[in-house]
Structure formats: C-alpha cells, structure tokens
C-alpha cells in the first residue's frame, strides 16, 4: 500500500510539473519602461564604426536625437520620446518591433531583450547595401 501511494505521488508530481505553464515574460512585456540610448554601430564591407545618436536619427529619418535620447514604451501601444512632440505607436510580435509614426513606419528585429538591455537591428528594404548591419543598444533608464 505504501509503495502504491509513493508511485501515485510520483506520477502526480510528474504530471503536475509537465502541465505548469512557464512564468517567463515575452518581449511585449519586457520592453515596457524607459530605455536610454547607449550606442549604435554599423558594419559594411568588413568595416565597422560607431554611430552617434545624430547619425542614427539622420539614417532613420527621425528628428535629431541627442546622446541622452530616452524612449519609453507604454502598455497602451505608445512609445514616447523627449525629442518628439507626439508619441508614436508600436507593436511587438515575437522578435519584431514595429514603430509607426504619422509619416512612416519601420521594423526592427529584437536581438536581445533582458531586464537591463535592449538590442535591436533595423530591418531594411532593398535600398540598403547587401551585408550592411546596424545594431542599436539601449540600457534600462
């Protein structure tokens, strides 16, 4: 009888462990909050170089950004920046972050998102040279 109870307890334990859902947050939850621009880098044709916030703004056709650039993602689907008068909309689908402004929208691939770090790579169209890569790093503000 004791042996049967022990086996039953083990079976219930295994079944319980396999049916529990994970408590990990997905990217749409982890991105919520304030993020400060840390650095950006680009590589093309074997050359790598750092980009300033102003370089990045010009490349992405945004208003001029300072190196103290901070963005804030809110749960309501809005992203705020001190450098912009109106918030933009955003959506996260897996590792894809889409920012939507009245003028344009652009897609970035989230390559790393932790409690303290956000790393994205802009997804470009056919106008970008093949093999070009840009990486933008933010840290939690």
N, C-alpha and C. Protein backbone atom coordinates (compact mmCIF):
# COMPACT_ATOMS: atom_id res chain seq x y z
N UNK A 1 0.83 -1.19 0.00
CA UNK A 1 0.00 0.00 0.00
C UNK A 1 0.87 1.25 0.00
N UNK A 2 1.94 1.25 0.85
CA UNK A 2 2.84 2.40 0.89
C UNK A 2 3.51 2.61 -0.46
N UNK A 3 3.89 1.49 -1.08
CA UNK A 3 4.57 1.57 -2.37
C UNK A 3 3.62 2.17 -3.43
N UNK A 4 2.38 1.75 -3.41
CA UNK A 4 1.39 2.27 -4.36
C UNK A 4 1.17 3.77 -4.16
N UNK A 5 1.13 4.20 -2.90
CA UNK A 5 0.97 5.63 -2.61
C UNK A 5 2.17 6.44 -3.10
N UNK A 6 3.36 5.87 -2.89
CA UNK A 6 4.58 6.54 -3.33
C UNK A 6 4.60 6.68 -4.86
N UNK A 7 4.22 5.63 -5.55
CA UNK A 7 4.17 5.67 -7.02
C UNK A 7 3.13 6.67 -7.48
N UNK A 8 1.98 6.67 -6.84
CA UNK A 8 0.92 7.62 -7.18
C UNK A 8 1.38 9.06 -6.96
N UNK A 9 2.08 9.32 -5.87
CA UNK A 9 2.60 10.66 -5.59
C UNK A 9 3.60 11.07 -6.66
N UNK A 10 4.47 10.15 -7.08
CA UNK A 10 5.46 10.46 -8.12
C UNK A 10 4.77 10.77 -9.44
N UNK A 11 3.75 9.99 -9.79
CA UNK A 11 3.00 10.21 -11.03
C UNK A 11 2.34 11.59 -11.00
N UNK A 12 1.69 11.92 -9.88
CA UNK A 12 1.05 13.23 -9.75
C UNK A 12 2.07 14.36 -9.85
N UNK A 13 3.24 14.17 -9.26
CA UNK A 13 4.30 15.18 -9.32
C UNK A 13 4.74 15.40 -10.76
N UNK A 14 5.00 14.31 -11.49
CA UNK A 14 5.45 14.42 -12.88
C UNK A 14 4.37 15.07 -13.74
N UNK A 15 3.12 14.65 -13.58
CA UNK A 15 2.02 15.24 -14.35
C UNK A 15 1.88 16.72 -14.02
N UNK A 16 1.97 17.06 -12.75
CA UNK A 16 1.87 18.47 -12.34
C UNK A 16 2.98 19.31 -12.92
N UNK A 17 4.19 18.80 -12.94
CA UNK A 17 5.32 19.57 -13.48
C UNK A 17 5.20 19.79 -14.97
N UNK A 18 4.66 18.84 -15.70
CA UNK A 18 4.56 18.98 -17.15
C UNK A 18 3.38 19.85 -17.57
N UNK A 19 2.42 20.04 -16.70
CA UNK A 19 1.26 20.85 -17.07
C UNK A 19 1.36 22.30 -16.63
N UNK A 20 2.35 22.62 -15.80
CA UNK A 20 2.52 24.01 -15.38
C UNK A 20 3.00 24.85 -16.54
N UNK A 21 2.49 26.05 -16.64
CA UNK A 21 2.95 26.95 -17.70
C UNK A 21 4.14 27.72 -17.21
N UNK A 22 4.91 28.18 -18.15
CA UNK A 22 6.12 28.94 -17.81
C UNK A 22 5.73 30.34 -17.38
N UNK A 23 6.52 30.91 -16.47
CA UNK A 23 6.26 32.26 -15.99
C UNK A 23 7.15 33.29 -16.67
N UNK A 24 7.83 32.91 -17.76
CA UNK A 24 8.71 33.87 -18.43
C UNK A 24 7.87 34.87 -19.20
N UNK A 25 8.34 36.09 -19.22
CA UNK A 25 7.65 37.16 -19.94
C UNK A 25 8.07 37.15 -21.40
N UNK A 26 7.17 37.56 -22.27
CA UNK A 26 7.57 37.68 -23.66
C UNK A 26 8.05 39.11 -23.93
N UNK A 27 8.53 39.34 -25.13
CA UNK A 27 9.12 40.64 -25.46
C UNK A 27 8.16 41.80 -25.28
N UNK A 28 6.86 41.59 -25.54
CA UNK A 28 5.90 42.70 -25.39
C UNK A 28 5.77 43.14 -23.94
N UNK A 29 6.03 42.25 -23.00
CA UNK A 29 6.01 42.62 -21.58
C UNK A 29 7.35 43.22 -21.14
N UNK A 30 8.43 42.60 -21.58
CA UNK A 30 9.76 43.05 -21.13
C UNK A 30 10.16 44.42 -21.67
N UNK A 31 9.59 44.81 -22.80
CA UNK A 31 10.00 46.08 -23.40
C UNK A 31 9.39 47.29 -22.69
N UNK A 32 8.35 47.08 -21.90
CA UNK A 32 7.67 48.18 -21.20
C UNK A 32 8.65 48.88 -20.27
N UNK A 33 8.68 50.23 -20.36
CA UNK A 33 9.54 51.03 -19.50
C UNK A 33 10.40 52.00 -20.29
N UNK A 34 11.32 52.64 -19.58
CA UNK A 34 12.19 53.65 -20.18
C UNK A 34 13.53 53.02 -20.56
N UNK A 35 14.01 53.39 -21.76
CA UNK A 35 15.28 52.89 -22.29
C UNK A 35 16.12 54.05 -22.77
N UNK A 36 17.38 54.07 -22.35
CA UNK A 36 18.31 55.14 -22.73
C UNK A 36 19.24 54.64 -23.82
N UNK A 37 19.39 55.45 -24.87
CA UNK A 37 20.32 55.12 -25.95
C UNK A 37 21.71 54.95 -25.37
N UNK A 38 22.34 53.84 -25.68
CA UNK A 38 23.69 53.59 -25.20
C UNK A 38 24.71 53.77 -26.32
N UNK A 39 24.51 53.06 -27.44
CA UNK A 39 25.39 53.22 -28.58
C UNK A 39 24.78 52.53 -29.79
N UNK A 40 25.31 52.87 -30.93
CA UNK A 40 24.91 52.21 -32.17
C UNK A 40 26.18 51.93 -32.95
N UNK A 41 26.17 50.85 -33.67
CA UNK A 41 27.32 50.51 -34.50
C UNK A 41 26.82 50.01 -35.84
N UNK A 42 27.67 50.15 -36.84
CA UNK A 42 27.33 49.70 -38.18
C UNK A 42 28.52 48.96 -38.76
N UNK A 43 28.23 48.03 -39.63
CA UNK A 43 29.30 47.32 -40.33
C UNK A 43 28.87 47.11 -41.77
N UNK A 44 29.86 47.22 -42.65
CA UNK A 44 29.62 47.03 -44.06
C UNK A 44 30.96 46.81 -44.75
N UNK A 45 31.02 45.79 -45.57
CA UNK A 45 32.24 45.53 -46.34
C UNK A 45 33.47 45.29 -45.48
N UNK A 46 33.29 44.66 -44.33
CA UNK A 46 34.42 44.38 -43.46
C UNK A 46 34.83 45.53 -42.56
N UNK A 47 34.20 46.67 -42.70
CA UNK A 47 34.48 47.85 -41.86
C UNK A 47 33.40 47.99 -40.81
N UNK A 48 33.79 48.36 -39.60
CA UNK A 48 32.85 48.62 -38.52
C UNK A 48 33.10 50.02 -37.97
N UNK A 49 32.05 50.70 -37.58
CA UNK A 49 32.20 52.03 -37.00
C UNK A 49 31.03 52.32 -36.07
N UNK A 50 31.27 53.25 -35.16
CA UNK A 50 30.25 53.68 -34.20
C UNK A 50 29.41 54.78 -34.81
N UNK A 51 28.15 54.82 -34.44
CA UNK A 51 27.23 55.87 -34.88
C UNK A 51 26.81 56.70 -33.68
N UNK A 52 26.76 58.00 -33.85
CA UNK A 52 26.21 58.86 -32.80
C UNK A 52 24.69 58.81 -32.89
N UNK A 53 24.04 59.35 -31.90
CA UNK A 53 22.58 59.43 -31.93
C UNK A 53 22.11 60.28 -33.11
N UNK A 54 22.85 61.34 -33.43
CA UNK A 54 22.50 62.20 -34.57
C UNK A 54 22.64 61.44 -35.88
N UNK A 55 23.71 60.63 -36.03
CA UNK A 55 23.88 59.81 -37.24
C UNK A 55 22.70 58.86 -37.40
N UNK A 56 22.32 58.25 -36.31
CA UNK A 56 21.23 57.29 -36.31
C UNK A 56 19.91 57.96 -36.68
N UNK A 57 19.66 59.14 -36.13
CA UNK A 57 18.44 59.89 -36.44
C UNK A 57 18.36 60.22 -37.92
N UNK A 58 19.47 60.67 -38.48
CA UNK A 58 19.50 61.02 -39.90
C UNK A 58 19.26 59.77 -40.76
N UNK A 59 19.88 58.68 -40.39
CA UNK A 59 19.74 57.44 -41.15
C UNK A 59 18.31 56.92 -41.12
N UNK A 60 17.61 57.07 -39.98
CA UNK A 60 16.26 56.56 -39.84
C UNK A 60 15.20 57.64 -40.11
N UNK A 61 15.65 58.79 -40.60
CA UNK A 61 14.76 59.91 -40.94
C UNK A 61 13.89 60.33 -39.76
N UNK A 62 14.52 60.47 -38.59
CA UNK A 62 13.84 60.93 -37.39
C UNK A 62 14.31 62.33 -37.07
N UNK A 63 13.60 62.99 -36.15
CA UNK A 63 14.09 64.28 -35.65
C UNK A 63 15.44 64.04 -35.00
N UNK A 64 16.25 65.07 -34.94
CA UNK A 64 17.58 64.96 -34.35
C UNK A 64 17.49 64.42 -32.93
N UNK A 65 18.35 63.47 -32.60
CA UNK A 65 18.37 62.87 -31.25
C UNK A 65 19.66 63.28 -30.57
N UNK A 66 19.61 63.43 -29.28
CA UNK A 66 20.83 63.68 -28.52
C UNK A 66 21.36 62.35 -27.99
N UNK A 67 22.59 62.35 -27.52
CA UNK A 67 23.16 61.14 -26.94
C UNK A 67 22.46 60.78 -25.63
N UNK A 68 21.64 61.67 -25.10
CA UNK A 68 20.85 61.40 -23.90
C UNK A 68 19.44 60.94 -24.28
N UNK A 69 19.28 60.44 -25.48
CA UNK A 69 18.00 60.02 -26.02
C UNK A 69 17.39 58.90 -25.17
N UNK A 70 16.16 59.13 -24.69
CA UNK A 70 15.42 58.15 -23.88
C UNK A 70 14.07 57.92 -24.53
N UNK A 71 13.70 56.66 -24.66
CA UNK A 71 12.37 56.32 -25.16
C UNK A 71 11.64 55.55 -24.06
N UNK A 72 10.32 55.66 -24.09
CA UNK A 72 9.52 54.94 -23.09
C UNK A 72 8.38 54.21 -23.79
N UNK A 73 8.37 52.90 -23.63
CA UNK A 73 7.30 52.07 -24.17
C UNK A 73 6.24 51.90 -23.09
N UNK A 74 4.99 52.23 -23.45
CA UNK A 74 3.87 52.10 -22.51
C UNK A 74 2.99 50.92 -22.93
N UNK A 75 2.23 50.41 -21.98
CA UNK A 75 1.34 49.27 -22.25
C UNK A 75 0.23 49.60 -23.26
N UNK A 76 -0.07 50.88 -23.43
CA UNK A 76 -1.14 51.27 -24.34
C UNK A 76 -0.72 51.26 -25.81
N UNK A 77 0.49 50.77 -26.12
CA UNK A 77 0.94 50.70 -27.51
C UNK A 77 1.57 51.99 -28.01
N UNK A 78 1.86 52.90 -27.10
CA UNK A 78 2.50 54.17 -27.47
C UNK A 78 3.96 54.14 -27.01
N UNK A 79 4.82 54.77 -27.79
CA UNK A 79 6.21 54.93 -27.41
C UNK A 79 6.49 56.43 -27.40
N UNK A 80 7.05 56.90 -26.30
CA UNK A 80 7.28 58.32 -26.08
C UNK A 80 8.78 58.62 -26.12
N UNK A 81 9.08 59.81 -26.59
CA UNK A 81 10.45 60.28 -26.64
C UNK A 81 10.45 61.76 -26.32
N UNK A 82 11.44 62.21 -25.56
CA UNK A 82 11.54 63.63 -25.23
C UNK A 82 11.83 64.46 -26.48
N UNK A 83 12.40 63.82 -27.51
CA UNK A 83 12.75 64.53 -28.74
C UNK A 83 11.57 64.68 -29.70
N UNK A 84 10.45 64.04 -29.43
CA UNK A 84 9.27 64.10 -30.30
C UNK A 84 8.11 64.73 -29.54
N UNK A 85 7.31 65.52 -30.23
CA UNK A 85 6.18 66.16 -29.56
C UNK A 85 5.00 65.20 -29.37
N UNK A 86 4.82 64.27 -30.29
CA UNK A 86 3.72 63.32 -30.22
C UNK A 86 4.28 61.91 -30.08
N UNK A 87 3.59 61.06 -29.33
CA UNK A 87 4.07 59.68 -29.24
C UNK A 87 3.84 58.94 -30.56
N UNK A 88 4.62 57.92 -30.79
CA UNK A 88 4.41 57.03 -31.93
C UNK A 88 3.70 55.79 -31.40
N UNK A 89 3.17 55.01 -32.28
CA UNK A 89 2.58 53.73 -31.91
C UNK A 89 3.64 52.65 -32.11
N UNK A 90 3.52 51.57 -31.40
CA UNK A 90 4.42 50.45 -31.61
C UNK A 90 3.66 49.15 -31.38
N UNK A 91 4.23 48.09 -31.93
CA UNK A 91 3.72 46.76 -31.63
C UNK A 91 4.89 45.79 -31.65
N UNK A 92 4.79 44.78 -30.81
CA UNK A 92 5.81 43.74 -30.71
C UNK A 92 5.15 42.43 -31.10
N UNK A 93 5.76 41.76 -32.05
CA UNK A 93 5.29 40.44 -32.49
C UNK A 93 6.49 39.51 -32.48
N UNK A 94 6.63 38.74 -31.40
CA UNK A 94 7.80 37.87 -31.26
C UNK A 94 9.05 38.71 -31.10
N UNK A 95 9.96 38.58 -32.06
CA UNK A 95 11.19 39.38 -32.01
C UNK A 95 11.14 40.58 -32.95
N UNK A 96 9.95 40.90 -33.46
CA UNK A 96 9.79 42.01 -34.39
C UNK A 96 9.14 43.20 -33.68
N UNK A 97 9.82 44.35 -33.69
CA UNK A 97 9.32 45.59 -33.11
C UNK A 97 9.02 46.55 -34.24
N UNK A 98 7.77 46.97 -34.36
CA UNK A 98 7.37 47.91 -35.40
C UNK A 98 7.00 49.24 -34.75
N UNK A 99 7.65 50.31 -35.20
CA UNK A 99 7.35 51.67 -34.75
C UNK A 99 6.58 52.35 -35.86
N UNK A 100 5.43 52.94 -35.52
CA UNK A 100 4.56 53.56 -36.51
C UNK A 100 4.39 55.03 -36.17
N UNK A 101 4.85 55.90 -37.06
CA UNK A 101 4.67 57.34 -36.91
C UNK A 101 3.69 57.80 -37.97
N UNK A 102 3.18 59.04 -37.88
CA UNK A 102 2.28 59.52 -38.93
C UNK A 102 2.93 59.54 -40.32
N UNK A 103 4.24 59.72 -40.38
CA UNK A 103 4.94 59.82 -41.66
C UNK A 103 5.38 58.47 -42.22
N UNK A 104 5.76 57.55 -41.34
CA UNK A 104 6.34 56.29 -41.81
C UNK A 104 6.24 55.22 -40.73
N UNK A 105 6.67 54.06 -41.05
CA UNK A 105 6.81 53.00 -40.05
C UNK A 105 8.09 52.25 -40.37
N UNK A 106 8.71 51.73 -39.35
CA UNK A 106 9.91 50.94 -39.57
C UNK A 106 9.93 49.76 -38.62
N UNK A 107 10.58 48.71 -39.06
CA UNK A 107 10.62 47.45 -38.33
C UNK A 107 12.04 47.22 -37.83
N UNK A 108 12.14 46.78 -36.59
CA UNK A 108 13.42 46.41 -36.01
C UNK A 108 13.30 45.00 -35.46
N UNK A 109 14.38 44.26 -35.57
CA UNK A 109 14.43 42.92 -35.01
C UNK A 109 15.08 43.01 -33.63
N UNK A 110 14.40 42.49 -32.63
CA UNK A 110 14.94 42.47 -31.27
C UNK A 110 15.91 41.29 -31.19
N UNK A 111 17.20 41.60 -31.06
CA UNK A 111 18.19 40.53 -30.97
C UNK A 111 18.51 40.17 -29.52
N UNK A 112 18.26 41.10 -28.59
CA UNK A 112 18.45 40.81 -27.18
C UNK A 112 17.55 41.73 -26.36
N UNK A 113 16.86 41.15 -25.41
CA UNK A 113 15.99 41.93 -24.52
C UNK A 113 16.00 41.26 -23.16
N UNK A 114 16.63 41.95 -22.21
CA UNK A 114 16.69 41.46 -20.84
C UNK A 114 16.11 42.53 -19.93
N UNK A 115 16.20 42.32 -18.65
CA UNK A 115 15.72 43.30 -17.68
C UNK A 115 16.45 44.63 -17.83
N UNK A 116 17.71 44.61 -18.28
CA UNK A 116 18.51 45.83 -18.32
C UNK A 116 19.03 46.21 -19.70
N UNK A 117 18.80 45.38 -20.72
CA UNK A 117 19.40 45.64 -22.04
C UNK A 117 18.40 45.38 -23.16
N UNK A 118 18.40 46.29 -24.14
CA UNK A 118 17.60 46.15 -25.35
C UNK A 118 18.53 46.37 -26.54
N UNK A 119 18.62 45.38 -27.41
CA UNK A 119 19.44 45.47 -28.61
C UNK A 119 18.54 45.18 -29.81
N UNK A 120 18.54 46.11 -30.78
CA UNK A 120 17.71 45.95 -31.97
C UNK A 120 18.55 46.17 -33.22
N UNK A 121 18.10 45.57 -34.31
CA UNK A 121 18.70 45.77 -35.62
C UNK A 121 17.59 46.22 -36.56
N UNK A 122 17.72 47.42 -37.13
CA UNK A 122 16.70 47.87 -38.09
C UNK A 122 16.63 46.91 -39.27
N UNK A 123 15.42 46.63 -39.69
CA UNK A 123 15.21 45.78 -40.87
C UNK A 123 15.08 46.73 -42.06
N UNK A 124 15.92 46.54 -43.03
CA UNK A 124 15.97 47.46 -44.17
C UNK A 124 15.34 46.86 -45.40
N UNK A 125 15.02 47.76 -46.31
CA UNK A 125 14.49 47.31 -47.59
C UNK A 125 15.63 47.16 -48.59
N UNK A 126 15.27 47.06 -49.84
CA UNK A 126 16.27 46.82 -50.89
C UNK A 126 17.22 47.99 -51.11
N UNK A 127 16.97 49.15 -50.52
CA UNK A 127 17.86 50.30 -50.68
C UNK A 127 19.18 50.13 -49.91
N UNK A 128 19.17 49.29 -48.88
CA UNK A 128 20.39 49.07 -48.10
C UNK A 128 21.33 48.15 -48.86
N UNK A 129 22.62 48.44 -48.79
CA UNK A 129 23.58 47.54 -49.44
C UNK A 129 23.54 46.16 -48.79
N UNK A 130 23.70 45.15 -49.60
CA UNK A 130 23.69 43.78 -49.09
C UNK A 130 24.84 43.57 -48.11
N UNK A 131 24.54 42.95 -46.98
CA UNK A 131 25.55 42.68 -45.97
C UNK A 131 25.73 43.79 -44.95
N UNK A 132 25.04 44.92 -45.12
CA UNK A 132 25.14 46.02 -44.15
C UNK A 132 24.37 45.64 -42.90
N UNK A 133 24.90 46.01 -41.76
CA UNK A 133 24.25 45.69 -40.49
C UNK A 133 24.38 46.86 -39.53
N UNK A 134 23.30 47.22 -38.89
CA UNK A 134 23.30 48.27 -37.87
C UNK A 134 22.73 47.66 -36.60
N UNK A 135 23.37 47.95 -35.47
CA UNK A 135 22.91 47.46 -34.18
C UNK A 135 22.76 48.65 -33.25
N UNK A 136 21.60 48.75 -32.60
CA UNK A 136 21.32 49.85 -31.68
C UNK A 136 21.13 49.27 -30.29
N UNK A 137 21.88 49.82 -29.32
CA UNK A 137 21.83 49.32 -27.94
C UNK A 137 21.23 50.37 -27.01
N UNK A 138 20.33 49.89 -26.16
CA UNK A 138 19.74 50.73 -25.12
C UNK A 138 19.97 50.03 -23.79
N UNK A 139 20.00 50.82 -22.73
CA UNK A 139 20.01 50.25 -21.38
C UNK A 139 18.81 50.80 -20.63
N UNK A 140 18.35 50.06 -19.66
CA UNK A 140 17.17 50.47 -18.89
C UNK A 140 17.49 51.79 -18.17
N UNK A 141 16.60 52.75 -18.32
CA UNK A 141 16.82 54.07 -17.71
C UNK A 141 16.27 54.07 -16.29
